[in-house]
Amino acid sequence: MKLYSINTGYFKLDGGAMFGVVPKSIWNRTNPADENNMISLAMRALLIEDGNKLILIDNGMGSKQDAKFFSYYYLHGDNTLEKSLGKYGFTSNDITDVFLSHLHFDHCGGSVKWKHPPTPQRGDSRSVYLKDDFELTFRNATYWSNEQHWEWATKPNKREKASFLSENILPIKESGHLKFITYPTSSLISPQGGEGLAYGSLPFGESWSGVLFSHGHTDAMMHPHIKYKDKTVVYVADLIPTTGHIPLPYVMGYDTRPLITLEEKEKFLNKAAEEKYVLFFEHDPINECCTVQKTEKGVRLKETFSLENI
């Protein structure tokens, strides 16, 4: 098995929104803001080469949206999904499976691309979804979500509606390439809270030790656990966006259920410290990976390192 860090680009979000109730005077030390109070964030996917499987976890924002949309997010840097795949000798046609942690646009936007881009004569097709305008970026791949989150994303609440874009999601199902990870029937943590963490199984072989389901950021977000070089690597997605979000109260204002996030983080980080997990970050602009340790103040950062240094 080989793991590759795939940087699809960088964008910016409001620092206050990213850290919720934590004062800027504190979070600005780890995630410094620009003059507009925006902080830089990565959109880092994880590529797993395992036998005849080439599995991509998340895929960034994509390039379908118009200039006005992208202007809200201050895209910067030279990294793209295609360039990062090419760095390791791969193309989108080589991907056998696309695993989507959740369906917010900055995690799944690269799943689908234009087949027939909008023209001035036709107008902006983002406002009217036309399925024939789109095709899968990874045409040979099976796309994996879970039924509970898919239902949540395709019938969005008003708070998250702007993050679930039809053109990123619906073409996957319409293509016939969509499959669902089975949600555990004996869930220990739910949208209403619980005593433990809910884990399910993954259909990718023995190197995949399971998937954690979380419900604080959005409903039924998934965090795969991968056995690699005698370590367990966990794709933490938006449960812990950056190393600056490791302390428990550092919860995003974007989370739909912040108190559930708090509970999930505490249980997961305690287990991560005990089991010596390697946390792989999707949004940290600098740090790809870290380990954590228990301290008198709770679980805290232990050390950071790149994926290739595991």
Protein backbone atom coordinates (compact mmCIF):
# COMPACT_ATOMS: atom_id res chain seq x y z
CA MET A 1 0.00 0.00 0.00
CA LYS A 2 1.10 3.56 -0.76
CA LEU A 3 -0.47 6.82 0.44
CA TYR A 4 -0.17 10.12 -1.43
CA SER A 5 -1.11 13.63 -0.32
CA ILE A 6 -3.11 15.32 -3.09
CA ASN A 7 -3.28 19.10 -2.76
CA THR A 8 -6.15 20.41 -4.88
CA GLY A 9 -5.55 24.06 -4.00
CA TYR A 10 -5.98 26.67 -1.29
CA PHE A 11 -8.88 28.94 -0.40
CA LYS A 12 -9.83 31.36 2.36
CA LEU A 13 -12.66 31.53 4.87
CA ASP A 14 -13.51 33.96 7.63
CA GLY A 15 -11.32 33.19 10.65
CA GLY A 16 -14.06 33.97 13.14
CA ALA A 17 -16.44 31.55 11.44
CA MET A 18 -13.75 28.88 11.43
CA PHE A 19 -13.18 29.14 15.20
CA GLY A 20 -16.65 29.91 16.53
CA VAL A 21 -16.63 31.31 20.07
CA VAL A 22 -12.81 31.34 20.40
CA PRO A 23 -11.47 34.94 20.37
CA LYS A 24 -9.30 36.07 17.47
CA SER A 25 -6.54 37.02 19.90
CA ILE A 26 -6.15 33.28 20.55
CA TRP A 27 -6.80 31.56 17.20
CA ASN A 28 -4.78 34.14 15.28
CA ARG A 29 -1.62 32.67 16.83
CA THR A 30 -2.04 29.36 15.00
CA ASN A 31 -4.02 30.49 11.95
CA PRO A 32 -3.06 34.11 11.21
CA ALA A 33 -5.68 36.19 9.44
CA ASP A 34 -5.18 38.64 6.57
CA GLU A 35 -6.46 42.23 6.50
CA ASN A 36 -9.97 40.95 5.71
CA ASN A 37 -9.98 38.53 8.66
CA MET A 38 -9.68 35.59 6.24
CA ILE A 39 -7.46 32.59 6.94
CA SER A 40 -5.81 30.34 4.37
CA LEU A 41 -6.96 26.72 4.20
CA ALA A 42 -5.90 23.74 2.13
CA MET A 43 -8.17 21.38 0.23
CA ARG A 44 -6.05 18.26 0.70
CA ALA A 45 -7.26 14.91 -0.59
CA LEU A 46 -5.75 11.52 0.21
CA LEU A 47 -4.91 8.97 -2.48
CA ILE A 48 -4.49 5.31 -1.53
CA GLU A 49 -2.84 2.84 -3.90
CA ASP A 50 -3.76 -0.62 -2.62
CA GLY A 51 -3.26 -3.52 -5.01
CA ASN A 52 -5.44 -2.90 -8.06
CA LYS A 53 -7.38 -0.19 -6.24
CA LEU A 54 -6.64 3.55 -6.47
CA ILE A 55 -8.91 5.25 -3.97
CA LEU A 56 -9.27 9.02 -3.67
CA ILE A 57 -10.72 10.51 -0.48
CA ASP A 58 -12.41 13.86 -1.28
CA ASN A 59 -11.37 16.01 -4.24
CA GLY A 60 -11.56 19.72 -3.46
CA MET A 61 -13.72 22.47 -4.92
CA GLY A 62 -13.45 21.67 -8.62
CA SER A 63 -13.64 24.26 -11.38
CA LYS A 64 -17.31 24.30 -12.44
CA GLN A 65 -18.47 27.41 -10.62
CA ASP A 66 -18.38 30.90 -12.07
CA ALA A 67 -15.90 33.68 -11.29
CA LYS A 68 -18.30 35.35 -8.85
CA PHE A 69 -18.61 32.17 -6.79
CA PHE A 70 -14.84 31.62 -6.64
CA SER A 71 -14.25 35.27 -5.72
CA TYR A 72 -15.95 34.63 -2.37
CA TYR A 73 -13.29 32.06 -1.47
CA TYR A 74 -10.04 33.71 -2.59
CA LEU A 75 -8.55 30.73 -4.40
CA HIS A 76 -4.76 30.92 -4.43
CA GLY A 77 -1.68 28.84 -5.15
CA ASP A 78 -0.71 26.75 -8.16
CA ASN A 79 -1.95 23.36 -6.95
CA THR A 80 -4.77 21.58 -8.73
CA LEU A 81 -6.25 18.11 -8.51
CA GLU A 82 -4.91 17.21 -11.94
CA LYS A 83 -1.38 18.48 -11.24
CA SER A 84 -1.19 16.67 -7.92
CA LEU A 85 -2.35 13.38 -9.43
CA GLY A 86 0.12 13.84 -12.28
CA LYS A 87 2.96 14.37 -9.82
CA TYR A 88 2.65 10.67 -8.93
CA GLY A 89 2.03 9.48 -12.49
CA PHE A 90 -1.77 9.19 -12.27
CA THR A 91 -4.71 10.70 -14.13
CA SER A 92 -8.37 10.94 -13.20
CA ASN A 93 -9.08 7.91 -15.40
CA ASP A 94 -6.90 5.75 -13.13
CA ILE A 95 -9.05 6.31 -10.04
CA THR A 96 -11.12 3.21 -9.17
CA ASP A 97 -12.99 4.63 -6.16
CA VAL A 98 -13.89 8.09 -4.89
CA PHE A 99 -14.72 8.18 -1.18
CA LEU A 100 -16.57 11.33 -0.14
CA SER A 101 -16.31 12.27 3.54
CA HIS A 102 -19.33 14.52 3.00
CA LEU A 103 -20.91 16.54 0.21
CA HIS A 104 -20.03 20.15 1.03
CA PHE A 105 -18.71 21.82 -2.13
CA ASP A 106 -15.10 22.16 -0.95
CA HIS A 107 -14.92 18.39 -0.45
CA CYS A 108 -16.75 17.00 -3.47
CA GLY A 109 -16.72 19.74 -6.12
CA GLY A 110 -14.03 17.97 -8.11
CA SER A 111 -16.24 14.89 -8.52
CA VAL A 112 -18.06 16.32 -11.53
CA LYS A 113 -16.93 18.50 -14.43
CA TRP A 114 -18.54 20.38 -17.28
CA LYS A 115 -19.54 18.43 -20.34
CA HIS A 116 -21.23 21.43 -21.93
CA PRO A 117 -20.10 24.64 -20.16
CA PRO A 118 -22.55 27.55 -19.94
CA THR A 119 -22.48 30.19 -22.66
CA PRO A 120 -23.66 33.81 -22.56
CA GLN A 121 -26.53 32.80 -24.83
CA ARG A 122 -27.67 29.99 -22.56
CA GLY A 123 -27.16 31.80 -19.30
CA ASP A 124 -25.70 30.57 -16.04
CA SER A 125 -26.72 26.92 -15.70
CA ARG A 126 -25.81 26.91 -12.01
CA SER A 127 -29.20 28.47 -11.37
CA VAL A 128 -31.00 25.80 -13.44
CA TYR A 129 -29.65 22.28 -13.02
CA LEU A 130 -29.35 20.55 -16.41
CA LYS A 131 -27.96 17.05 -15.99
CA ASP A 132 -26.74 16.76 -19.59
CA ASP A 133 -24.30 19.62 -18.95
CA PHE A 134 -22.13 17.50 -16.61
CA GLU A 135 -20.04 14.35 -16.55
CA LEU A 136 -17.99 12.52 -13.95
CA THR A 137 -14.39 13.62 -13.51
CA PHE A 138 -13.45 10.04 -12.54
CA ARG A 139 -15.33 8.15 -15.21
CA ASN A 140 -14.02 4.72 -14.24
CA ALA A 141 -14.62 5.10 -10.51
CA THR A 142 -17.25 4.02 -8.04
CA TYR A 143 -18.31 6.95 -5.84
CA TRP A 144 -18.98 6.22 -2.16
CA SER A 145 -21.24 8.14 0.22
CA ASN A 146 -23.78 6.87 2.76
CA GLU A 147 -27.54 6.88 2.49
CA GLN A 148 -28.14 8.99 5.58
CA HIS A 149 -25.82 11.79 4.46
CA TRP A 150 -27.00 11.61 0.86
CA GLU A 151 -30.57 12.20 2.00
CA TRP A 152 -29.37 15.10 4.16
CA ALA A 153 -27.47 16.69 1.26
CA THR A 154 -30.09 16.27 -1.45
CA LYS A 155 -32.86 17.64 0.77
CA PRO A 156 -30.77 20.32 2.50
CA ASN A 157 -31.73 22.44 5.48
CA LYS A 158 -31.66 26.20 5.01
CA ARG A 159 -28.44 26.56 6.99
CA GLU A 160 -26.41 24.24 4.75
CA LYS A 161 -28.21 24.72 1.44
CA ALA A 162 -25.47 26.94 -0.01
CA SER A 163 -22.88 24.22 0.68
CA PHE A 164 -24.76 21.40 -1.07
CA LEU A 165 -24.68 22.24 -4.79
CA SER A 166 -26.85 20.10 -7.07
CA GLU A 167 -24.29 20.05 -9.87
CA ASN A 168 -21.71 18.52 -7.51
CA ILE A 169 -24.02 15.79 -6.26
CA LEU A 170 -26.87 14.73 -8.54
CA PRO A 171 -24.76 13.71 -11.57
CA ILE A 172 -23.03 11.08 -9.41
CA LYS A 173 -26.27 9.19 -8.82
CA GLU A 174 -27.57 9.79 -12.33
CA SER A 175 -24.40 8.24 -13.75
CA GLY A 176 -25.05 4.95 -11.96
CA HIS A 177 -21.65 5.12 -10.26
CA LEU A 178 -22.94 5.79 -6.73
CA LYS A 179 -22.76 3.25 -3.90
CA PHE A 180 -23.42 3.62 -0.20
CA ILE A 181 -21.32 2.68 2.80
CA THR A 182 -23.54 0.85 5.29
CA TYR A 183 -24.33 2.95 8.35
CA PRO A 184 -23.93 0.91 11.58
CA THR A 185 -27.27 -0.30 12.88
CA SER A 186 -26.10 -0.10 16.49
CA SER A 187 -24.95 3.50 16.43
CA LEU A 188 -23.55 4.64 19.77
CA ILE A 189 -23.57 8.31 18.92
CA SER A 190 -26.37 9.98 17.03
CA PRO A 191 -27.57 13.48 16.26
CA GLN A 192 -29.02 13.45 19.78
CA GLY A 193 -25.76 12.40 21.38
CA GLY A 194 -24.65 9.14 22.93
CA GLU A 195 -22.07 7.30 24.97
CA GLY A 196 -19.60 6.27 22.29
CA LEU A 197 -18.60 6.60 18.65
CA ALA A 198 -20.27 4.92 15.67
CA TYR A 199 -18.02 2.86 13.42
CA GLY A 200 -18.90 1.06 10.20
CA SER A 201 -16.99 -1.24 7.85
CA LEU A 202 -15.43 -0.37 4.50
CA PRO A 203 -15.44 -2.53 1.32
CA PHE A 204 -11.79 -1.91 0.43
CA GLY A 205 -9.91 -4.78 2.06
CA GLU A 206 -8.01 -5.55 5.23
CA SER A 207 -5.92 -2.37 5.17
CA TRP A 208 -9.07 -0.36 5.96
CA SER A 209 -9.92 -0.83 9.62
CA GLY A 210 -13.27 0.98 9.48
CA VAL A 211 -15.01 4.33 9.19
CA LEU A 212 -16.11 6.67 11.96
CA PHE A 213 -19.43 8.48 11.48
CA SER A 214 -19.80 11.93 13.04
CA HIS A 215 -22.83 14.22 13.22
CA GLY A 216 -21.71 17.57 14.62
CA HIS A 217 -20.44 19.32 11.50
CA THR A 218 -23.06 17.79 9.21
CA ASP A 219 -25.11 14.63 9.38
CA ALA A 220 -23.23 11.31 8.95
CA MET A 221 -19.84 12.67 7.89
CA MET A 222 -17.33 9.83 7.41
CA HIS A 223 -13.73 9.45 8.62
CA PRO A 224 -11.96 6.39 7.18
CA HIS A 225 -9.24 4.63 9.18
CA ILE A 226 -6.38 3.15 7.17
CA LYS A 227 -3.68 0.77 8.39
CA TYR A 228 -0.36 2.01 7.05
CA LYS A 229 3.20 1.18 8.13
CA ASP A 230 2.01 -0.14 11.49
CA LYS A 231 0.05 3.07 12.07
CA THR A 232 -3.62 3.95 11.84
CA VAL A 233 -4.10 7.00 9.61
CA VAL A 234 -7.43 8.80 10.07
CA TYR A 235 -8.83 11.26 7.55
CA VAL A 236 -10.36 13.75 9.97
CA ALA A 237 -12.04 16.01 7.37
CA ASP A 238 -14.11 18.73 9.12
CA LEU A 239 -14.26 17.11 12.55
CA ILE A 240 -10.84 18.72 13.19
CA PRO A 241 -10.07 21.01 10.24
CA THR A 242 -6.56 22.09 11.33
CA THR A 243 -4.10 21.48 14.15
CA GLY A 244 -5.40 24.76 15.59
CA HIS A 245 -8.78 23.08 16.15
CA ILE A 246 -7.53 20.30 18.43
CA PRO A 247 -8.55 21.92 21.79
CA LEU A 248 -12.17 20.99 22.48
CA PRO A 249 -13.83 24.45 22.45
CA TYR A 250 -12.32 25.25 19.04
CA VAL A 251 -15.42 24.35 17.05
CA MET A 252 -16.38 25.92 13.74
CA GLY A 253 -19.30 28.29 13.46
CA TYR A 254 -20.24 26.28 10.35
CA ASP A 255 -21.09 23.18 12.41
CA THR A 256 -24.79 22.36 12.53
CA ARG A 257 -24.62 20.78 16.00
CA PRO A 258 -21.62 22.28 17.84
CA LEU A 259 -22.32 20.51 21.13
CA ILE A 260 -22.31 17.17 19.32
CA THR A 261 -19.01 18.14 17.67
CA LEU A 262 -17.62 18.85 21.13
CA GLU A 263 -18.66 15.41 22.35
CA GLU A 264 -17.38 13.63 19.24
CA LYS A 265 -14.05 15.44 19.31
CA GLU A 266 -13.47 14.57 22.95
CA LYS A 267 -14.14 10.87 22.47
CA PHE A 268 -12.20 10.65 19.22
CA LEU A 269 -9.15 12.58 20.47
CA ASN A 270 -8.92 10.47 23.63
CA LYS A 271 -8.92 7.36 21.47
CA ALA A 272 -6.43 8.94 19.03
CA ALA A 273 -4.04 9.65 21.89
CA GLU A 274 -4.43 6.16 23.37
CA GLU A 275 -4.09 4.35 20.03
CA LYS A 276 -1.43 6.72 18.66
CA TYR A 277 -3.42 7.54 15.55
CA VAL A 278 -1.94 9.66 12.77
CA LEU A 279 -4.42 12.44 11.95
CA PHE A 280 -4.43 13.48 8.28
CA PHE A 281 -5.70 17.04 7.80
CA GLU A 282 -7.76 18.18 4.86
CA HIS A 283 -7.73 21.91 5.63
CA ASP A 284 -4.55 22.68 7.57
CA PRO A 285 -2.55 24.96 5.21
CA ILE A 286 0.83 23.80 6.54
CA ASN A 287 0.56 20.52 8.41
CA GLU A 288 -0.42 17.33 6.63
CA CYS A 289 -0.32 15.03 9.65
CA CYS A 290 0.01 15.02 13.42
CA THR A 291 -0.18 12.88 16.51
CA VAL A 292 -1.80 13.94 19.79
CA GLN A 293 -1.13 13.28 23.46
CA LYS A 294 -2.98 13.58 26.76
CA THR A 295 -1.92 16.46 29.00
CA GLU A 296 -3.21 18.16 32.14
CA LYS A 297 -5.17 20.51 29.88
CA GLY A 298 -6.69 17.71 27.84
CA VAL A 299 -5.59 16.20 24.53
CA ARG A 300 -3.11 18.42 22.72
CA LEU A 301 -0.86 18.39 19.67
CA LYS A 302 2.20 16.16 20.03
CA GLU A 303 4.10 16.46 16.75
CA THR A 304 3.47 17.39 13.12
CA PHE A 305 5.00 15.82 10.03
CA SER A 306 4.36 15.16 6.35
CA LEU A 307 2.65 12.02 5.11
CA GLU A 308 5.83 10.80 3.42
CA ASN A 309 7.65 10.90 6.79
CA ILE A 310 5.40 8.36 8.48
